[in-house]
Each structure stands twice: as structure tokens, then as C-alpha cells.
């Protein structure tokens, strides 16, 4: 269990370091480019649905796995599930921010957050 906690901590720390680098790349975009990119990022696009469902599934899968295989209580396992799911979503957005023709999307992160929150609720159902 100690190793699992350390891996989660390393993932969260690495995500934080990478987020700082990504913020610099966002500052390099001109305001006009940022507006054009945001126009092509609808709130109800298919991409948001994929982020929502992916985060929901990751949260439930990690939470139930930690409960079952690591023997952690439900209250702790949902925290791990939420943390892993949001870390993966943030890493994906950082990666998008560095790829040409793509951008870091706060709307995608919002869909990740909503999916993870529903995943926490569903994980708590017995």
C-alpha cells in the first residue's frame, strides 16, 4: 500500500510541474489565436462527452480497485479515484497544449471534473 500512495503522490507532483510549463506555452499564444481556438471548443461537443465518460469510468474503476485489492475504506478509495482521474485529465490537456494545432481547454477539464464528481457519487453506492 505504501508504494501505491507514493506512486499517486509522484503522479500528482509531476502533473503540477508540467502544469507550470503548460501555462507558459499558453501565454505565448496571441489573444487572437486563443479566441479562434476557443470558438472551436463547444460546451456540448462530442469531445466533452468523451471527457465526461472517461473521467467517470476512471474514477469508479480506480476507486473500486483500491477498495477491493488494496483493502482501503470507501472514504479513502474515492479520493484516490478522483485524484487519479483528474490527474489524467490534466495531463491530457497539458499534452494538447503542447501539440501543434491543439490547445489547453478549460472546458475539457470542466467535463473531466463533472465526470469525476459523478464517479465519486456512483462509487459510494453499495
N, C-alpha and C. Protein backbone atom coordinates (compact mmCIF):
# COMPACT_ATOMS: atom_id res chain seq x y z
N UNK A 1 0.83 -1.20 0.00
CA UNK A 1 0.00 0.00 0.00
C UNK A 1 0.86 1.25 0.00
N UNK A 2 1.99 1.21 0.68
CA UNK A 2 2.89 2.36 0.76
C UNK A 2 3.35 2.75 -0.64
N UNK A 3 3.68 1.76 -1.47
CA UNK A 3 4.16 2.04 -2.82
C UNK A 3 3.05 2.68 -3.64
N UNK A 4 1.81 2.23 -3.49
CA UNK A 4 0.69 2.80 -4.23
C UNK A 4 0.52 4.28 -3.87
N UNK A 5 0.61 4.60 -2.58
CA UNK A 5 0.50 6.00 -2.15
C UNK A 5 1.61 6.85 -2.75
N UNK A 6 2.82 6.30 -2.78
CA UNK A 6 3.95 7.04 -3.33
C UNK A 6 3.79 7.28 -4.82
N UNK A 7 3.27 6.30 -5.55
CA UNK A 7 3.04 6.48 -6.98
C UNK A 7 2.00 7.56 -7.24
N UNK A 8 0.95 7.57 -6.46
CA UNK A 8 -0.09 8.61 -6.61
C UNK A 8 0.52 9.98 -6.33
N UNK A 9 1.30 10.09 -5.27
CA UNK A 9 1.93 11.36 -4.92
C UNK A 9 2.86 11.83 -6.03
N UNK A 10 3.67 10.93 -6.58
CA UNK A 10 4.56 11.30 -7.68
C UNK A 10 3.78 11.76 -8.90
N UNK A 11 2.68 11.09 -9.21
CA UNK A 11 1.86 11.48 -10.35
C UNK A 11 1.29 12.88 -10.15
N UNK A 12 0.80 13.17 -8.96
CA UNK A 12 0.23 14.48 -8.67
C UNK A 12 1.31 15.56 -8.74
N UNK A 13 2.47 15.30 -8.17
CA UNK A 13 3.57 16.27 -8.20
C UNK A 13 4.04 16.52 -9.63
N UNK A 14 4.18 15.45 -10.41
CA UNK A 14 4.63 15.59 -11.78
C UNK A 14 3.61 16.40 -12.59
N UNK A 15 2.34 16.17 -12.32
CA UNK A 15 1.28 16.91 -13.01
C UNK A 15 1.39 18.39 -12.70
N UNK A 16 1.66 18.73 -11.44
CA UNK A 16 1.80 20.13 -11.05
C UNK A 16 2.97 20.80 -11.73
N UNK A 17 4.09 20.10 -11.84
CA UNK A 17 5.27 20.65 -12.52
C UNK A 17 4.97 20.87 -13.99
N UNK A 18 4.33 19.90 -14.61
CA UNK A 18 4.00 20.01 -16.03
C UNK A 18 2.98 21.13 -16.28
N UNK A 19 2.08 21.37 -15.33
CA UNK A 19 1.08 22.42 -15.50
C UNK A 19 1.75 23.79 -15.56
N UNK A 20 2.81 23.99 -14.79
CA UNK A 20 3.55 25.24 -14.82
C UNK A 20 4.17 25.48 -16.19
N UNK A 21 4.71 24.45 -16.79
CA UNK A 21 5.29 24.55 -18.12
C UNK A 21 4.20 24.86 -19.14
N UNK A 22 3.05 24.24 -19.02
CA UNK A 22 1.97 24.45 -19.96
C UNK A 22 1.42 25.88 -19.89
N UNK A 23 1.39 26.45 -18.69
CA UNK A 23 0.89 27.82 -18.55
C UNK A 23 1.76 28.78 -19.34
N UNK A 24 3.08 28.54 -19.39
CA UNK A 24 3.97 29.38 -20.17
C UNK A 24 3.65 29.27 -21.66
N UNK A 25 3.34 28.07 -22.12
CA UNK A 25 3.04 27.91 -23.54
C UNK A 25 1.72 28.60 -23.90
N UNK A 26 0.78 28.67 -22.94
CA UNK A 26 -0.48 29.38 -23.21
C UNK A 26 -0.25 30.88 -23.34
N UNK A 27 0.70 31.43 -22.58
CA UNK A 27 0.99 32.87 -22.64
C UNK A 27 1.59 33.26 -23.98
N UNK A 28 2.22 32.31 -24.67
CA UNK A 28 2.87 32.61 -25.94
C UNK A 28 1.87 32.77 -27.08
N UNK A 29 0.65 32.30 -26.91
CA UNK A 29 -0.36 32.43 -27.95
C UNK A 29 -0.86 33.87 -27.99
N UNK A 30 -1.09 34.35 -29.20
CA UNK A 30 -1.66 35.68 -29.31
C UNK A 30 -3.12 35.64 -28.88
N UNK A 31 -3.67 36.75 -28.38
CA UNK A 31 -5.08 36.77 -27.98
C UNK A 31 -6.02 36.39 -29.13
N UNK A 32 -5.66 36.78 -30.35
CA UNK A 32 -6.50 36.45 -31.50
C UNK A 32 -6.51 34.94 -31.73
N UNK A 33 -5.37 34.28 -31.62
CA UNK A 33 -5.30 32.83 -31.80
C UNK A 33 -6.11 32.13 -30.71
N UNK A 34 -6.01 32.60 -29.48
CA UNK A 34 -6.75 31.99 -28.37
C UNK A 34 -8.26 32.09 -28.62
N UNK A 35 -8.73 33.25 -29.13
CA UNK A 35 -10.16 33.41 -29.41
C UNK A 35 -10.63 32.45 -30.49
N UNK A 36 -9.82 32.28 -31.53
CA UNK A 36 -10.18 31.37 -32.63
C UNK A 36 -10.27 29.95 -32.10
N UNK A 37 -9.31 29.55 -31.30
CA UNK A 37 -9.30 28.20 -30.77
C UNK A 37 -10.49 27.96 -29.85
N UNK A 38 -10.86 28.93 -29.02
CA UNK A 38 -11.99 28.77 -28.11
C UNK A 38 -13.30 28.68 -28.87
N UNK A 39 -13.40 29.35 -30.01
CA UNK A 39 -14.62 29.27 -30.81
C UNK A 39 -14.87 27.85 -31.31
N UNK A 40 -13.81 27.09 -31.50
CA UNK A 40 -13.93 25.72 -31.98
C UNK A 40 -13.99 24.72 -30.83
N UNK A 41 -14.39 25.16 -29.65
CA UNK A 41 -14.44 24.31 -28.47
C UNK A 41 -15.83 24.41 -27.82
N UNK A 42 -16.86 23.84 -28.47
CA UNK A 42 -18.22 23.98 -27.95
C UNK A 42 -18.42 23.22 -26.64
N UNK A 43 -19.26 23.78 -25.77
CA UNK A 43 -19.55 23.15 -24.48
C UNK A 43 -20.21 21.79 -24.65
N UNK A 44 -21.03 21.63 -25.66
CA UNK A 44 -21.78 20.38 -25.82
C UNK A 44 -21.25 19.52 -26.97
N UNK A 45 -19.96 19.64 -27.26
CA UNK A 45 -19.37 18.84 -28.32
C UNK A 45 -19.15 17.39 -27.89
N UNK A 46 -18.91 16.54 -28.86
CA UNK A 46 -18.65 15.12 -28.60
C UNK A 46 -17.44 14.96 -27.69
N UNK A 47 -16.45 15.81 -27.87
CA UNK A 47 -15.24 15.75 -27.06
C UNK A 47 -15.54 15.88 -25.56
N UNK A 48 -16.47 16.76 -25.23
CA UNK A 48 -16.82 16.95 -23.80
C UNK A 48 -17.48 15.70 -23.24
N UNK A 49 -18.31 15.05 -24.05
CA UNK A 49 -18.93 13.80 -23.62
C UNK A 49 -17.90 12.71 -23.38
N UNK A 50 -16.89 12.66 -24.23
CA UNK A 50 -15.82 11.67 -24.04
C UNK A 50 -15.03 11.95 -22.78
N UNK A 51 -14.74 13.22 -22.53
CA UNK A 51 -14.03 13.59 -21.29
C UNK A 51 -14.87 13.21 -20.07
N UNK A 52 -16.16 13.51 -20.12
CA UNK A 52 -17.06 13.22 -19.01
C UNK A 52 -17.10 11.72 -18.71
N UNK A 53 -17.36 10.93 -19.74
CA UNK A 53 -17.49 9.47 -19.56
C UNK A 53 -16.15 8.85 -19.17
N UNK A 54 -15.07 9.30 -19.80
CA UNK A 54 -13.75 8.76 -19.47
C UNK A 54 -13.38 9.02 -18.02
N UNK A 55 -13.64 10.22 -17.54
CA UNK A 55 -13.33 10.56 -16.14
C UNK A 55 -14.22 9.80 -15.18
N UNK A 56 -15.49 9.65 -15.54
CA UNK A 56 -16.41 8.89 -14.70
C UNK A 56 -15.93 7.45 -14.57
N UNK A 57 -15.57 6.82 -15.69
CA UNK A 57 -15.12 5.44 -15.67
C UNK A 57 -13.80 5.28 -14.91
N UNK A 58 -12.88 6.21 -15.11
CA UNK A 58 -11.60 6.12 -14.41
C UNK A 58 -11.78 6.27 -12.90
N UNK A 59 -12.64 7.19 -12.49
CA UNK A 59 -12.88 7.39 -11.07
C UNK A 59 -13.47 6.14 -10.43
N UNK A 60 -14.49 5.58 -11.04
CA UNK A 60 -15.13 4.39 -10.49
C UNK A 60 -14.17 3.21 -10.50
N UNK A 61 -13.43 3.02 -11.59
CA UNK A 61 -12.52 1.88 -11.70
C UNK A 61 -11.41 1.94 -10.65
N UNK A 62 -10.79 3.11 -10.51
CA UNK A 62 -9.71 3.23 -9.53
C UNK A 62 -10.26 3.10 -8.11
N UNK A 63 -11.38 3.74 -7.85
CA UNK A 63 -11.97 3.69 -6.51
C UNK A 63 -12.31 2.26 -6.10
N UNK A 64 -13.00 1.55 -6.97
CA UNK A 64 -13.39 0.17 -6.64
C UNK A 64 -12.17 -0.75 -6.56
N UNK A 65 -11.16 -0.51 -7.41
CA UNK A 65 -9.95 -1.33 -7.37
C UNK A 65 -9.18 -1.12 -6.07
N UNK A 66 -9.08 0.13 -5.64
CA UNK A 66 -8.38 0.42 -4.39
C UNK A 66 -9.13 -0.21 -3.22
N UNK A 67 -10.44 -0.16 -3.26
CA UNK A 67 -11.24 -0.79 -2.20
C UNK A 67 -11.02 -2.29 -2.17
N UNK A 68 -11.11 -2.89 -3.34
CA UNK A 68 -11.08 -4.35 -3.40
C UNK A 68 -9.69 -4.93 -3.21
N UNK A 69 -8.70 -4.39 -3.93
CA UNK A 69 -7.39 -5.01 -3.95
C UNK A 69 -6.42 -4.44 -2.91
N UNK A 70 -6.63 -3.20 -2.50
CA UNK A 70 -5.74 -2.61 -1.50
C UNK A 70 -6.38 -2.61 -0.12
N UNK A 71 -7.65 -2.97 -0.05
CA UNK A 71 -8.32 -3.05 1.24
C UNK A 71 -8.56 -1.72 1.92
N UNK A 72 -8.64 -0.67 1.13
CA UNK A 72 -8.86 0.66 1.70
C UNK A 72 -10.35 0.91 1.91
N UNK A 73 -10.69 1.72 2.91
CA UNK A 73 -12.10 2.04 3.12
C UNK A 73 -12.64 2.90 1.98
N UNK A 74 -13.94 2.89 1.85
CA UNK A 74 -14.60 3.63 0.77
C UNK A 74 -14.24 5.12 0.79
N UNK A 75 -14.19 5.70 1.97
CA UNK A 75 -13.92 7.14 2.07
C UNK A 75 -12.55 7.50 1.50
N UNK A 76 -11.59 6.62 1.63
CA UNK A 76 -10.25 6.89 1.10
C UNK A 76 -10.15 6.51 -0.37
N UNK A 77 -10.82 5.45 -0.76
CA UNK A 77 -10.69 4.98 -2.14
C UNK A 77 -11.28 5.97 -3.14
N UNK A 78 -12.35 6.67 -2.77
CA UNK A 78 -12.93 7.65 -3.70
C UNK A 78 -12.00 8.83 -3.90
N UNK A 79 -11.20 9.15 -2.89
CA UNK A 79 -10.22 10.23 -3.03
C UNK A 79 -9.15 9.83 -4.04
N UNK A 80 -8.69 8.57 -3.94
CA UNK A 80 -7.71 8.08 -4.92
C UNK A 80 -8.30 8.08 -6.32
N UNK A 81 -9.53 7.61 -6.45
CA UNK A 81 -10.17 7.56 -7.76
C UNK A 81 -10.31 8.95 -8.37
N UNK A 82 -10.77 9.90 -7.55
CA UNK A 82 -10.93 11.27 -8.04
C UNK A 82 -9.57 11.87 -8.43
N UNK A 83 -8.57 11.66 -7.59
CA UNK A 83 -7.24 12.22 -7.85
C UNK A 83 -6.60 11.67 -9.11
N UNK A 84 -6.68 10.37 -9.30
CA UNK A 84 -6.10 9.76 -10.49
C UNK A 84 -6.83 10.23 -11.74
N UNK A 85 -8.14 10.26 -11.69
CA UNK A 85 -8.93 10.67 -12.85
C UNK A 85 -8.63 12.11 -13.24
N UNK A 86 -8.62 13.01 -12.28
CA UNK A 86 -8.34 14.42 -12.59
C UNK A 86 -6.90 14.63 -13.04
N UNK A 87 -5.98 13.86 -12.48
CA UNK A 87 -4.58 13.96 -12.91
C UNK A 87 -4.44 13.54 -14.37
N UNK A 88 -5.12 12.46 -14.74
CA UNK A 88 -5.07 12.02 -16.14
C UNK A 88 -5.68 13.08 -17.07
N UNK A 89 -6.79 13.67 -16.65
CA UNK A 89 -7.42 14.72 -17.46
C UNK A 89 -6.51 15.93 -17.63
N UNK A 90 -5.85 16.32 -16.54
CA UNK A 90 -4.94 17.46 -16.61
C UNK A 90 -3.73 17.15 -17.48
N UNK A 91 -3.18 15.95 -17.35
CA UNK A 91 -2.05 15.55 -18.19
C UNK A 91 -2.43 15.56 -19.67
N UNK A 92 -3.64 15.13 -19.97
CA UNK A 92 -4.09 15.11 -21.36
C UNK A 92 -4.19 16.53 -21.91
N UNK A 93 -4.69 17.45 -21.09
CA UNK A 93 -4.79 18.84 -21.54
C UNK A 93 -3.42 19.50 -21.69
N UNK A 94 -2.50 19.17 -20.81
CA UNK A 94 -1.13 19.69 -20.94
C UNK A 94 -0.52 19.20 -22.25
N UNK A 95 -0.73 17.92 -22.53
CA UNK A 95 -0.22 17.35 -23.78
C UNK A 95 -0.85 18.05 -24.97
N UNK A 96 -2.16 18.29 -24.92
CA UNK A 96 -2.83 19.01 -26.01
C UNK A 96 -2.27 20.41 -26.18
N UNK A 97 -1.93 21.06 -25.07
CA UNK A 97 -1.39 22.41 -25.15
C UNK A 97 -0.04 22.49 -25.82
N UNK A 98 0.66 21.40 -25.87
CA UNK A 98 2.00 21.37 -26.46
C UNK A 98 1.98 20.89 -27.92
N UNK A 99 0.88 20.29 -28.36
CA UNK A 99 0.81 19.77 -29.73
C UNK A 99 0.39 20.87 -30.68
N UNK A 100 1.02 20.95 -31.84
CA UNK A 100 0.62 21.96 -32.82
C UNK A 100 -0.82 21.74 -33.27
N UNK A 101 -1.57 22.81 -33.35
CA UNK A 101 -2.96 22.72 -33.80
C UNK A 101 -3.94 22.34 -32.72
N UNK A 102 -3.47 22.10 -31.51
CA UNK A 102 -4.33 21.78 -30.37
C UNK A 102 -4.14 22.83 -29.29
N UNK A 103 -4.95 22.77 -28.25
CA UNK A 103 -4.83 23.77 -27.19
C UNK A 103 -5.31 23.21 -25.87
N UNK A 104 -4.85 23.84 -24.80
CA UNK A 104 -5.26 23.50 -23.44
C UNK A 104 -6.68 24.01 -23.26
N UNK A 105 -7.62 23.12 -22.91
CA UNK A 105 -9.03 23.51 -22.82
C UNK A 105 -9.56 23.41 -21.39
N UNK A 106 -9.94 24.55 -20.84
CA UNK A 106 -10.57 24.54 -19.53
C UNK A 106 -11.96 23.90 -19.59
N UNK A 107 -12.58 23.95 -20.75
CA UNK A 107 -13.88 23.30 -20.90
C UNK A 107 -13.75 21.78 -20.81
N UNK A 108 -12.68 21.24 -21.37
CA UNK A 108 -12.44 19.80 -21.24
C UNK A 108 -12.21 19.43 -19.78
N UNK A 109 -11.45 20.26 -19.07
CA UNK A 109 -11.21 20.00 -17.64
C UNK A 109 -12.50 20.09 -16.84
N UNK A 110 -13.40 20.97 -17.24
CA UNK A 110 -14.70 21.07 -16.57
C UNK A 110 -15.50 19.79 -16.77
N UNK A 111 -15.47 19.25 -17.98
CA UNK A 111 -16.15 17.98 -18.25
C UNK A 111 -15.50 16.84 -17.45
N UNK A 112 -14.17 16.88 -17.33
CA UNK A 112 -13.46 15.89 -16.50
C UNK A 112 -13.90 15.99 -15.05
N UNK A 113 -14.02 17.20 -14.55
CA UNK A 113 -14.43 17.42 -13.16
C UNK A 113 -15.85 16.90 -12.92
N UNK A 114 -16.75 17.20 -13.85
CA UNK A 114 -18.14 16.74 -13.70
C UNK A 114 -18.21 15.21 -13.73
N UNK A 115 -17.47 14.59 -14.64
CA UNK A 115 -17.46 13.13 -14.72
C UNK A 115 -16.85 12.50 -13.47
N UNK A 116 -15.78 13.09 -12.97
CA UNK A 116 -15.14 12.57 -11.76
C UNK A 116 -16.05 12.72 -10.56
N UNK A 117 -16.76 13.84 -10.47
CA UNK A 117 -17.67 14.06 -9.34
C UNK A 117 -18.82 13.03 -9.37
N UNK A 118 -19.37 12.77 -10.55
CA UNK A 118 -20.41 11.75 -10.65
C UNK A 118 -19.83 10.37 -10.33
N UNK A 119 -18.58 10.13 -10.75
CA UNK A 119 -17.93 8.87 -10.44
C UNK A 119 -17.76 8.65 -8.95
N UNK A 120 -17.46 9.72 -8.21
CA UNK A 120 -17.36 9.62 -6.75
C UNK A 120 -18.72 9.23 -6.17
N UNK A 121 -19.78 9.88 -6.66
CA UNK A 121 -21.14 9.55 -6.17
C UNK A 121 -21.50 8.10 -6.47
N UNK A 122 -21.20 7.64 -7.68
CA UNK A 122 -21.53 6.27 -8.05
C UNK A 122 -20.67 5.26 -7.29
N UNK A 123 -19.43 5.63 -6.97
CA UNK A 123 -18.55 4.73 -6.22
C UNK A 123 -19.03 4.50 -4.81
N UNK A 124 -19.78 5.44 -4.30
CA UNK A 124 -20.25 5.33 -2.92
C UNK A 124 -21.53 4.51 -2.80
N UNK A 125 -22.12 4.16 -3.96
CA UNK A 125 -23.33 3.31 -3.94
C UNK A 125 -22.89 1.89 -3.65
N UNK A 126 -23.57 1.27 -2.73
CA UNK A 126 -23.17 -0.10 -2.34
C UNK A 126 -23.86 -1.12 -3.22
